[in-house]
């Protein structure tokens, strides 16, 4: 039996070191910063407009230094800017992964649970037929946070679907500076 697909969750964009598009998404398309996650090597920024969510992934170190700490995605090779991942919400991540593996699909990130004080999610990353694109399979039915575990909410962000189209200009420059192309 096939697993039930609930809905698309987000589209990941990998942004090369020193380049970016966060301010462009905010200014041109009125996306709002929702949540951020940063480690010494990577930054991930979630931007939302209505139900559309982009997850911008950026290395904080130059290309060539391997970083395996992107949550909900894999580190793409080659290291060029690209749309790299489509995240889909599903009911049974382990079951769907087993079905896909039995049909020859590569699973670079096997099912794993991530939790914080707002609950937990189970996710896995599977390869697609398109070489530079992967798919994150995500069950967030046990999570009540604004984005995903491991991310810190940005309080100034608009709530999903609230219709607020203003750009929070104080938040984006401070959180997304390395994710933005200098003007």
N, C-alpha and C. Protein backbone atom coordinates (compact mmCIF):
# COMPACT_ATOMS: atom_id res chain seq x y z
N UNK A 1 0.84 -1.18 0.00
CA UNK A 1 0.00 0.00 0.00
C UNK A 1 0.89 1.24 0.00
N UNK A 2 0.56 2.20 -0.83
CA UNK A 2 1.35 3.43 -0.93
C UNK A 2 1.05 4.34 0.26
N UNK A 3 2.06 5.09 0.68
CA UNK A 3 1.89 6.05 1.77
C UNK A 3 1.10 7.24 1.27
N UNK A 4 0.37 7.86 2.17
CA UNK A 4 -0.45 9.00 1.82
C UNK A 4 0.38 10.28 1.85
N UNK A 5 0.31 11.03 0.76
CA UNK A 5 0.98 12.33 0.67
C UNK A 5 0.02 13.39 1.16
N UNK A 6 0.41 14.12 2.21
CA UNK A 6 -0.46 15.17 2.74
C UNK A 6 -0.39 16.44 1.91
N UNK A 7 0.84 16.95 1.73
CA UNK A 7 1.02 18.19 0.97
C UNK A 7 2.50 18.48 0.83
N UNK A 8 2.85 19.35 -0.10
CA UNK A 8 4.25 19.82 -0.13
C UNK A 8 4.49 20.68 1.11
N UNK A 9 5.70 20.60 1.65
CA UNK A 9 6.03 21.35 2.86
C UNK A 9 6.91 22.56 2.55
N UNK A 10 8.04 22.34 1.84
CA UNK A 10 8.91 23.44 1.47
C UNK A 10 9.78 23.05 0.29
N UNK A 11 10.39 24.06 -0.32
CA UNK A 11 11.37 23.89 -1.38
C UNK A 11 12.69 24.43 -0.86
N UNK A 12 13.75 23.61 -0.92
CA UNK A 12 15.07 24.05 -0.46
C UNK A 12 15.87 24.63 -1.60
N UNK A 13 16.55 25.71 -1.32
CA UNK A 13 17.50 26.32 -2.24
C UNK A 13 18.85 26.34 -1.55
N UNK A 14 19.88 25.83 -2.21
CA UNK A 14 21.23 25.94 -1.68
C UNK A 14 21.87 27.17 -2.28
N UNK A 15 22.42 28.00 -1.42
CA UNK A 15 23.01 29.27 -1.82
C UNK A 15 24.50 29.20 -1.57
N UNK A 16 25.34 29.42 -2.60
CA UNK A 16 26.80 29.34 -2.41
C UNK A 16 27.30 30.35 -1.38
N UNK A 17 28.45 30.04 -0.81
CA UNK A 17 29.11 30.89 0.17
C UNK A 17 29.23 32.32 -0.36
N UNK A 18 28.78 33.29 0.42
CA UNK A 18 28.93 34.68 0.06
C UNK A 18 27.89 35.21 -0.92
N UNK A 19 26.93 34.39 -1.31
CA UNK A 19 25.87 34.84 -2.22
C UNK A 19 24.53 34.54 -1.58
N UNK A 20 23.47 35.07 -2.15
CA UNK A 20 22.20 34.75 -1.55
C UNK A 20 21.00 35.35 -2.23
N UNK A 21 19.85 35.06 -1.65
CA UNK A 21 18.61 35.55 -2.24
C UNK A 21 17.54 35.88 -1.21
N UNK A 22 17.84 35.88 0.09
CA UNK A 22 16.82 36.13 1.10
C UNK A 22 16.17 37.50 0.94
N UNK A 23 16.96 38.54 0.79
CA UNK A 23 16.38 39.87 0.63
C UNK A 23 15.61 39.98 -0.68
N UNK A 24 16.09 39.31 -1.73
CA UNK A 24 15.36 39.33 -3.00
C UNK A 24 13.99 38.68 -2.85
N UNK A 25 13.91 37.54 -2.17
CA UNK A 25 12.62 36.89 -1.95
C UNK A 25 11.70 37.79 -1.13
N UNK A 26 12.26 38.46 -0.13
CA UNK A 26 11.46 39.34 0.71
C UNK A 26 11.00 40.58 -0.05
N UNK A 27 11.91 41.24 -0.75
CA UNK A 27 11.58 42.49 -1.43
C UNK A 27 10.69 42.27 -2.65
N UNK A 28 11.06 41.32 -3.50
CA UNK A 28 10.33 41.13 -4.75
C UNK A 28 9.04 40.33 -4.58
N UNK A 29 9.05 39.36 -3.66
CA UNK A 29 7.90 38.46 -3.56
C UNK A 29 7.23 38.48 -2.20
N UNK A 30 7.72 39.34 -1.29
CA UNK A 30 7.12 39.56 0.02
C UNK A 30 7.12 38.33 0.92
N UNK A 31 8.17 37.53 0.83
CA UNK A 31 8.33 36.41 1.76
C UNK A 31 8.79 36.95 3.10
N UNK A 32 8.33 36.32 4.18
CA UNK A 32 8.67 36.72 5.54
C UNK A 32 9.61 35.69 6.16
N UNK A 33 10.63 36.11 6.90
CA UNK A 33 11.46 35.15 7.64
C UNK A 33 10.62 34.53 8.76
N UNK A 34 10.68 33.20 8.88
CA UNK A 34 9.87 32.48 9.85
C UNK A 34 10.73 31.86 10.94
N UNK A 35 11.84 31.22 10.53
CA UNK A 35 12.68 30.51 11.49
C UNK A 35 14.10 30.42 10.95
N UNK A 36 15.05 30.27 11.86
CA UNK A 36 16.46 30.20 11.47
C UNK A 36 17.16 29.12 12.29
N UNK A 37 18.15 28.51 11.67
CA UNK A 37 19.01 27.52 12.33
C UNK A 37 20.43 27.80 11.88
N UNK A 38 21.35 27.89 12.84
CA UNK A 38 22.74 28.17 12.48
C UNK A 38 23.67 27.29 13.30
N UNK A 39 24.67 26.74 12.62
CA UNK A 39 25.76 26.00 13.25
C UNK A 39 27.04 26.74 12.86
N UNK A 40 28.20 26.32 13.35
CA UNK A 40 29.43 26.98 12.93
C UNK A 40 29.68 26.89 11.42
N UNK A 41 29.08 25.91 10.74
CA UNK A 41 29.36 25.73 9.31
C UNK A 41 28.21 26.06 8.37
N UNK A 42 26.96 26.04 8.84
CA UNK A 42 25.83 26.29 7.95
C UNK A 42 24.78 27.17 8.61
N UNK A 43 24.01 27.84 7.76
CA UNK A 43 22.84 28.59 8.19
C UNK A 43 21.67 28.15 7.32
N UNK A 44 20.52 27.96 7.96
CA UNK A 44 19.29 27.63 7.26
C UNK A 44 18.24 28.65 7.68
N UNK A 45 17.58 29.25 6.70
CA UNK A 45 16.58 30.29 6.94
C UNK A 45 15.30 29.91 6.23
N UNK A 46 14.20 29.83 6.98
CA UNK A 46 12.89 29.53 6.39
C UNK A 46 12.16 30.84 6.13
N UNK A 47 11.66 30.99 4.92
CA UNK A 47 10.89 32.17 4.50
C UNK A 47 9.52 31.70 4.03
N UNK A 48 8.47 32.45 4.39
CA UNK A 48 7.11 32.03 4.05
C UNK A 48 6.32 33.20 3.48
N UNK A 49 5.46 32.86 2.53
CA UNK A 49 4.41 33.77 2.07
C UNK A 49 3.17 32.92 1.89
N UNK A 50 2.19 33.12 2.75
CA UNK A 50 1.01 32.26 2.73
C UNK A 50 1.42 30.83 3.04
N UNK A 51 1.08 29.91 2.14
CA UNK A 51 1.45 28.50 2.34
C UNK A 51 2.75 28.13 1.64
N UNK A 52 3.34 29.04 0.90
CA UNK A 52 4.60 28.76 0.19
C UNK A 52 5.78 29.00 1.13
N UNK A 53 6.67 27.99 1.23
CA UNK A 53 7.83 28.09 2.12
C UNK A 53 9.09 27.73 1.35
N UNK A 54 10.10 28.59 1.45
CA UNK A 54 11.43 28.31 0.94
C UNK A 54 12.35 28.11 2.13
N UNK A 55 13.21 27.11 2.05
CA UNK A 55 14.26 26.90 3.04
C UNK A 55 15.58 27.20 2.35
N UNK A 56 16.22 28.31 2.74
CA UNK A 56 17.51 28.68 2.16
C UNK A 56 18.62 28.06 2.99
N UNK A 57 19.46 27.28 2.35
CA UNK A 57 20.59 26.61 2.99
C UNK A 57 21.87 27.25 2.50
N UNK A 58 22.75 27.62 3.41
CA UNK A 58 24.01 28.22 3.00
C UNK A 58 25.14 27.74 3.90
N UNK A 59 26.25 27.42 3.26
CA UNK A 59 27.47 27.12 4.00
C UNK A 59 28.06 28.44 4.49
N UNK A 60 28.54 28.45 5.71
CA UNK A 60 29.22 29.63 6.23
C UNK A 60 30.73 29.50 6.05
N UNK A 61 31.14 28.38 5.49
CA UNK A 61 32.54 28.13 5.16
C UNK A 61 32.63 27.96 3.65
N UNK A 62 33.78 28.24 3.05
CA UNK A 62 33.90 28.12 1.60
C UNK A 62 33.63 26.71 1.10
N UNK A 63 33.24 26.62 -0.17
CA UNK A 63 33.00 25.32 -0.80
C UNK A 63 34.25 24.46 -0.69
N UNK A 64 34.06 23.18 -0.65
CA UNK A 64 35.17 22.26 -0.53
C UNK A 64 35.30 21.70 0.87
N UNK A 65 34.78 22.44 1.84
CA UNK A 65 34.76 21.92 3.21
C UNK A 65 33.41 21.23 3.38
N UNK A 66 33.46 19.95 3.61
CA UNK A 66 32.23 19.17 3.70
C UNK A 66 31.47 19.53 4.97
N UNK A 67 30.19 19.75 4.82
CA UNK A 67 29.34 19.98 5.98
C UNK A 67 28.14 19.05 5.89
N UNK A 68 27.97 18.26 6.91
CA UNK A 68 26.89 17.28 6.93
C UNK A 68 25.82 17.68 7.94
N UNK A 69 25.74 18.97 8.24
CA UNK A 69 24.79 19.34 9.28
C UNK A 69 23.61 20.15 8.77
N UNK A 70 23.20 19.97 7.52
CA UNK A 70 21.93 20.53 7.07
C UNK A 70 20.83 19.61 7.59
N UNK A 71 19.87 20.15 8.33
CA UNK A 71 18.72 19.35 8.75
C UNK A 71 17.71 19.35 7.62
N UNK A 72 17.04 18.24 7.42
CA UNK A 72 15.95 18.10 6.45
C UNK A 72 16.42 18.22 5.01
N UNK A 73 17.68 17.94 4.74
CA UNK A 73 18.23 18.04 3.38
C UNK A 73 19.58 17.34 3.37
N UNK A 74 20.21 17.29 2.21
CA UNK A 74 21.57 16.79 2.07
C UNK A 74 22.43 17.90 1.48
N UNK A 75 23.72 17.77 1.64
CA UNK A 75 24.68 18.74 1.11
C UNK A 75 24.91 18.41 -0.36
N UNK A 76 24.45 19.26 -1.28
CA UNK A 76 24.55 18.89 -2.70
C UNK A 76 25.96 18.99 -3.24
N UNK A 77 26.24 18.18 -4.21
CA UNK A 77 27.49 18.23 -4.97
C UNK A 77 27.11 18.25 -6.43
N UNK A 78 27.61 19.14 -7.25
CA UNK A 78 28.57 20.18 -6.93
C UNK A 78 27.95 21.28 -6.08
N UNK A 79 28.77 22.20 -5.61
CA UNK A 79 28.35 23.21 -4.64
C UNK A 79 27.89 24.49 -5.32
N UNK A 80 27.02 24.38 -6.28
CA UNK A 80 26.50 25.57 -6.95
C UNK A 80 25.12 25.90 -6.40
N UNK A 81 24.69 27.14 -6.59
CA UNK A 81 23.37 27.52 -6.15
C UNK A 81 22.32 26.80 -6.98
N UNK A 82 21.36 26.19 -6.30
CA UNK A 82 20.36 25.42 -7.03
C UNK A 82 19.16 25.13 -6.14
N UNK A 83 18.03 24.92 -6.78
CA UNK A 83 16.90 24.32 -6.08
C UNK A 83 17.28 22.86 -5.90
N UNK A 84 17.30 22.40 -4.68
CA UNK A 84 17.91 21.10 -4.43
C UNK A 84 17.01 20.07 -3.76
N UNK A 85 15.87 20.50 -3.21
CA UNK A 85 15.08 19.55 -2.44
C UNK A 85 13.63 19.99 -2.43
N UNK A 86 12.75 19.02 -2.60
CA UNK A 86 11.31 19.24 -2.43
C UNK A 86 10.88 18.40 -1.24
N UNK A 87 10.39 19.05 -0.21
CA UNK A 87 9.95 18.34 1.00
C UNK A 87 8.46 18.06 0.89
N UNK A 88 8.11 16.80 1.13
CA UNK A 88 6.72 16.35 1.05
C UNK A 88 6.29 15.78 2.39
N UNK A 89 5.12 16.19 2.87
CA UNK A 89 4.60 15.62 4.10
C UNK A 89 3.90 14.31 3.77
N UNK A 90 4.26 13.27 4.52
CA UNK A 90 3.68 11.94 4.33
C UNK A 90 3.26 11.38 5.69
N UNK A 91 2.44 10.33 5.66
CA UNK A 91 1.94 9.73 6.90
C UNK A 91 2.93 8.76 7.54
N UNK A 92 3.66 8.00 6.74
CA UNK A 92 4.49 6.91 7.25
C UNK A 92 5.87 6.96 6.60
N UNK A 93 6.77 7.73 7.19
CA UNK A 93 8.11 7.90 6.61
C UNK A 93 8.86 6.57 6.54
N UNK A 94 8.97 5.80 7.63
CA UNK A 94 9.72 4.53 7.53
C UNK A 94 9.12 3.57 6.50
N UNK A 95 7.80 3.46 6.46
CA UNK A 95 7.15 2.55 5.51
C UNK A 95 7.39 2.95 4.07
N UNK A 96 7.27 4.25 3.78
CA UNK A 96 7.49 4.72 2.42
C UNK A 96 8.95 4.54 2.02
N UNK A 97 9.88 4.81 2.94
CA UNK A 97 11.31 4.61 2.64
C UNK A 97 11.59 3.14 2.32
N UNK A 98 11.00 2.24 3.08
CA UNK A 98 11.20 0.81 2.82
C UNK A 98 10.68 0.43 1.43
N UNK A 99 9.51 0.96 1.07
CA UNK A 99 8.95 0.70 -0.27
C UNK A 99 9.88 1.23 -1.35
N UNK A 100 10.37 2.45 -1.18
CA UNK A 100 11.24 3.06 -2.19
C UNK A 100 12.55 2.30 -2.30
N UNK A 101 13.14 1.92 -1.17
CA UNK A 101 14.39 1.16 -1.20
C UNK A 101 14.20 -0.19 -1.89
N UNK A 102 13.06 -0.83 -1.67
CA UNK A 102 12.81 -2.13 -2.31
C UNK A 102 12.70 -2.00 -3.82
N UNK A 103 12.45 -0.79 -4.29
CA UNK A 103 12.37 -0.52 -5.73
C UNK A 103 13.64 0.11 -6.27
N UNK A 104 14.70 0.12 -5.46
CA UNK A 104 16.00 0.58 -5.93
C UNK A 104 16.33 2.04 -5.67
N UNK A 105 15.50 2.74 -4.94
CA UNK A 105 15.75 4.16 -4.65
C UNK A 105 16.81 4.29 -3.57
N UNK A 106 17.76 5.20 -3.77
CA UNK A 106 18.78 5.48 -2.76
C UNK A 106 18.17 6.35 -1.66
N UNK A 107 18.56 6.07 -0.43
CA UNK A 107 18.08 6.82 0.73
C UNK A 107 19.31 7.35 1.48
N UNK A 108 19.81 8.54 1.09
CA UNK A 108 21.02 9.07 1.73
C UNK A 108 20.84 9.39 3.22
N UNK A 109 19.62 9.73 3.64
CA UNK A 109 19.34 9.96 5.06
C UNK A 109 18.19 9.04 5.45
N UNK A 110 18.48 7.96 6.18
CA UNK A 110 17.41 7.05 6.59
C UNK A 110 16.47 7.74 7.59
N UNK A 111 15.29 7.18 7.83
CA UNK A 111 14.35 7.81 8.75
C UNK A 111 14.99 8.12 10.11
N UNK A 112 14.76 9.34 10.55
CA UNK A 112 15.32 9.82 11.82
C UNK A 112 14.29 10.72 12.48
N UNK A 113 14.26 10.69 13.81
CA UNK A 113 13.36 11.56 14.56
C UNK A 113 14.14 12.74 15.11
N UNK A 114 13.56 13.94 14.99
CA UNK A 114 14.14 15.17 15.54
C UNK A 114 13.07 15.77 16.44
N UNK A 115 13.48 16.19 17.64
CA UNK A 115 12.48 16.72 18.56
C UNK A 115 12.99 17.98 19.26
N UNK A 116 12.04 18.76 19.73
CA UNK A 116 12.32 19.87 20.63
C UNK A 116 11.11 20.00 21.56
N UNK A 117 11.03 21.11 22.30
CA UNK A 117 9.96 21.26 23.29
C UNK A 117 8.57 21.35 22.67
N UNK A 118 8.46 21.54 21.37
CA UNK A 118 7.16 21.65 20.70
C UNK A 118 6.68 20.32 20.10
N UNK A 119 7.49 19.26 20.22
CA UNK A 119 7.11 17.97 19.68
C UNK A 119 8.22 17.35 18.86
N UNK A 120 7.84 16.46 17.94
CA UNK A 120 8.85 15.77 17.14
C UNK A 120 8.37 15.58 15.71
N UNK A 121 9.33 15.39 14.82
CA UNK A 121 9.06 15.03 13.43
C UNK A 121 9.93 13.83 13.09
N UNK A 122 9.50 13.07 12.10
CA UNK A 122 10.32 12.01 11.53
C UNK A 122 10.54 12.39 10.08
N UNK A 123 11.80 12.30 9.63
CA UNK A 123 12.07 12.62 8.23
C UNK A 123 13.12 11.68 7.67
N UNK A 124 13.17 11.66 6.35
CA UNK A 124 14.17 10.92 5.59
C UNK A 124 14.41 11.68 4.30
N UNK A 125 15.60 11.53 3.73
CA UNK A 125 15.88 12.15 2.44
C UNK A 125 16.14 11.03 1.44
N UNK A 126 15.42 11.08 0.31
CA UNK A 126 15.57 10.08 -0.74
C UNK A 126 16.06 10.77 -2.01
N UNK A 127 16.81 10.04 -2.80
CA UNK A 127 17.30 10.57 -4.08
C UNK A 127 16.17 10.54 -5.10
N UNK A 128 16.27 11.42 -6.08
CA UNK A 128 15.28 11.45 -7.16
C UNK A 128 15.95 11.07 -8.46
N UNK A 129 15.17 10.96 -9.51
CA UNK A 129 15.71 10.65 -10.83
C UNK A 129 16.51 11.83 -11.38
N UNK A 130 16.26 13.03 -10.86
CA UNK A 130 17.01 14.22 -11.25
C UNK A 130 18.21 14.31 -10.31
N UNK A 131 19.41 14.26 -10.84
CA UNK A 131 20.62 14.12 -10.03
C UNK A 131 20.84 15.13 -8.94
N UNK A 132 20.52 16.40 -9.16
CA UNK A 132 20.81 17.42 -8.15
C UNK A 132 19.61 17.71 -7.24
N UNK A 133 18.54 16.95 -7.37
CA UNK A 133 17.35 17.17 -6.56
C UNK A 133 17.09 15.94 -5.70
N UNK A 134 16.78 16.19 -4.44
CA UNK A 134 16.38 15.11 -3.54
C UNK A 134 14.99 15.44 -3.00
N UNK A 135 14.43 14.48 -2.30
CA UNK A 135 13.11 14.68 -1.69
C UNK A 135 13.20 14.34 -0.21
N UNK A 136 12.74 15.27 0.61
CA UNK A 136 12.62 14.99 2.03
C UNK A 136 11.20 14.52 2.28
N UNK A 137 11.07 13.37 2.91
CA UNK A 137 9.78 12.84 3.32
C UNK A 137 9.63 13.17 4.80
N UNK A 138 8.55 13.82 5.18
CA UNK A 138 8.42 14.40 6.52
C UNK A 138 7.07 14.06 7.12
N UNK A 139 7.08 13.58 8.35
CA UNK A 139 5.85 13.41 9.13
C UNK A 139 5.93 14.40 10.28
N UNK A 140 5.13 15.45 10.21
CA UNK A 140 5.13 16.46 11.27
C UNK A 140 3.83 16.45 12.06
N UNK A 141 3.12 15.33 12.04
CA UNK A 141 1.83 15.23 12.72
C UNK A 141 1.96 15.37 14.24
N UNK A 142 3.15 15.17 14.80
CA UNK A 142 3.37 15.29 16.24
C UNK A 142 4.11 16.58 16.60
N UNK A 143 4.09 17.56 15.70
CA UNK A 143 4.83 18.80 15.94
C UNK A 143 3.91 20.00 15.88
N UNK A 144 4.04 20.91 16.82
CA UNK A 144 3.17 22.09 16.91
C UNK A 144 3.93 23.41 16.83
N UNK A 145 5.17 23.39 16.41
CA UNK A 145 5.96 24.62 16.32
C UNK A 145 5.71 25.37 15.02
N UNK A 146 6.30 26.56 14.89
CA UNK A 146 6.08 27.39 13.71
C UNK A 146 6.75 26.87 12.44
N UNK A 147 7.83 26.07 12.59
CA UNK A 147 8.47 25.50 11.40
C UNK A 147 8.84 24.05 11.69
N UNK A 148 10.06 23.79 12.10
CA UNK A 148 10.52 22.43 12.36
C UNK A 148 11.46 22.41 13.56
N UNK A 149 11.60 21.26 14.25
CA UNK A 149 12.54 21.18 15.36
C UNK A 149 13.96 21.52 14.90
N UNK A 150 14.70 22.18 15.78
CA UNK A 150 16.06 22.58 15.46
C UNK A 150 16.15 24.02 14.99
N UNK A 151 15.01 24.61 14.64
CA UNK A 151 14.96 25.99 14.17
C UNK A 151 14.41 26.88 15.27
N UNK A 152 14.96 28.11 15.34
CA UNK A 152 14.47 29.10 16.28
C UNK A 152 13.46 29.99 15.56
N UNK A 153 12.27 30.16 16.14
CA UNK A 153 11.29 31.02 15.48
C UNK A 153 11.75 32.47 15.46
N UNK A 154 11.37 33.16 14.43
CA UNK A 154 11.62 34.60 14.33
C UNK A 154 10.31 35.26 14.72
N UNK A 155 10.28 35.90 15.87
CA UNK A 155 9.04 36.39 16.46
C UNK A 155 8.32 37.42 15.59
N UNK A 156 9.06 38.20 14.82
CA UNK A 156 8.45 39.23 14.01
C UNK A 156 7.78 38.68 12.76
N UNK A 157 7.95 37.38 12.50
CA UNK A 157 7.42 36.79 11.28
C UNK A 157 5.90 36.75 11.31
N UNK A 158 5.32 36.90 10.13
CA UNK A 158 3.87 36.81 10.00
C UNK A 158 3.42 35.37 10.18
N UNK A 159 2.24 35.20 10.71
CA UNK A 159 1.67 33.86 10.85
C UNK A 159 1.28 33.34 9.48
N UNK A 160 1.29 32.01 9.28
CA UNK A 160 0.93 31.46 7.98
C UNK A 160 -0.47 31.90 7.57
N UNK A 161 -0.56 32.43 6.35
CA UNK A 161 -1.85 32.78 5.79
C UNK A 161 -2.50 34.00 6.41
N UNK A 162 -1.77 34.83 7.18
CA UNK A 162 -2.42 35.97 7.81
C UNK A 162 -2.56 37.16 6.88
N UNK A 163 -2.03 37.06 5.67
CA UNK A 163 -2.19 38.11 4.69
C UNK A 163 -1.23 39.27 4.85
N UNK A 164 -0.41 39.28 5.88
CA UNK A 164 0.55 40.36 6.07
C UNK A 164 1.60 40.30 4.98
N UNK A 165 1.70 41.37 4.21
CA UNK A 165 2.66 41.36 3.11
C UNK A 165 3.83 42.30 3.36
N UNK A 166 3.92 42.87 4.57
CA UNK A 166 5.03 43.77 4.84
C UNK A 166 6.32 42.98 5.01
N UNK A 167 7.42 43.59 4.66
CA UNK A 167 8.73 42.96 4.80
C UNK A 167 9.33 43.44 6.11
N UNK A 168 9.76 42.51 6.93
CA UNK A 168 10.36 42.87 8.21
C UNK A 168 11.82 43.24 7.97
N UNK A 169 12.03 44.50 7.63
CA UNK A 169 13.36 44.94 7.22
C UNK A 169 14.37 44.91 8.36
N UNK A 170 13.93 44.94 9.61
CA UNK A 170 14.88 44.87 10.72
C UNK A 170 15.38 43.46 10.93
N UNK A 171 14.59 42.46 10.60
CA UNK A 171 14.95 41.07 10.84
C UNK A 171 15.86 40.53 9.75
N UNK A 172 15.50 40.72 8.50
CA UNK A 172 16.27 40.11 7.40
C UNK A 172 17.72 40.53 7.36
N UNK A 173 18.07 41.80 7.46
CA UNK A 173 19.49 42.14 7.38
C UNK A 173 20.32 41.52 8.49
N UNK A 174 19.79 41.40 9.70
CA UNK A 174 20.59 40.86 10.79
C UNK A 174 20.71 39.35 10.72
N UNK A 175 19.64 38.64 10.36
CA UNK A 175 19.68 37.18 10.31
C UNK A 175 20.21 36.66 9.00
N UNK A 176 19.97 37.37 7.93
CA UNK A 176 20.24 36.81 6.61
C UNK A 176 21.39 37.49 5.89
N UNK A 177 22.17 38.31 6.58
CA UNK A 177 23.22 39.04 5.89
C UNK A 177 24.05 38.15 4.97
N UNK A 178 24.62 37.01 5.42
CA UNK A 178 25.38 36.19 4.49
C UNK A 178 24.51 35.55 3.41
N UNK A 179 23.20 35.52 3.61
CA UNK A 179 22.31 34.94 2.62
C UNK A 179 21.86 35.96 1.58
N UNK A 180 22.38 37.18 1.67
CA UNK A 180 21.90 38.24 0.79
C UNK A 180 22.99 38.74 -0.13
N UNK A 181 22.59 39.03 -1.35
CA UNK A 181 23.50 39.63 -2.31
C UNK A 181 23.65 41.10 -1.96
N UNK A 182 24.88 41.63 -1.84
CA UNK A 182 25.05 43.04 -1.53
C UNK A 182 24.41 43.92 -2.59
N UNK A 183 23.81 44.99 -2.18
CA UNK A 183 23.15 45.93 -3.09
C UNK A 183 24.07 47.08 -3.40
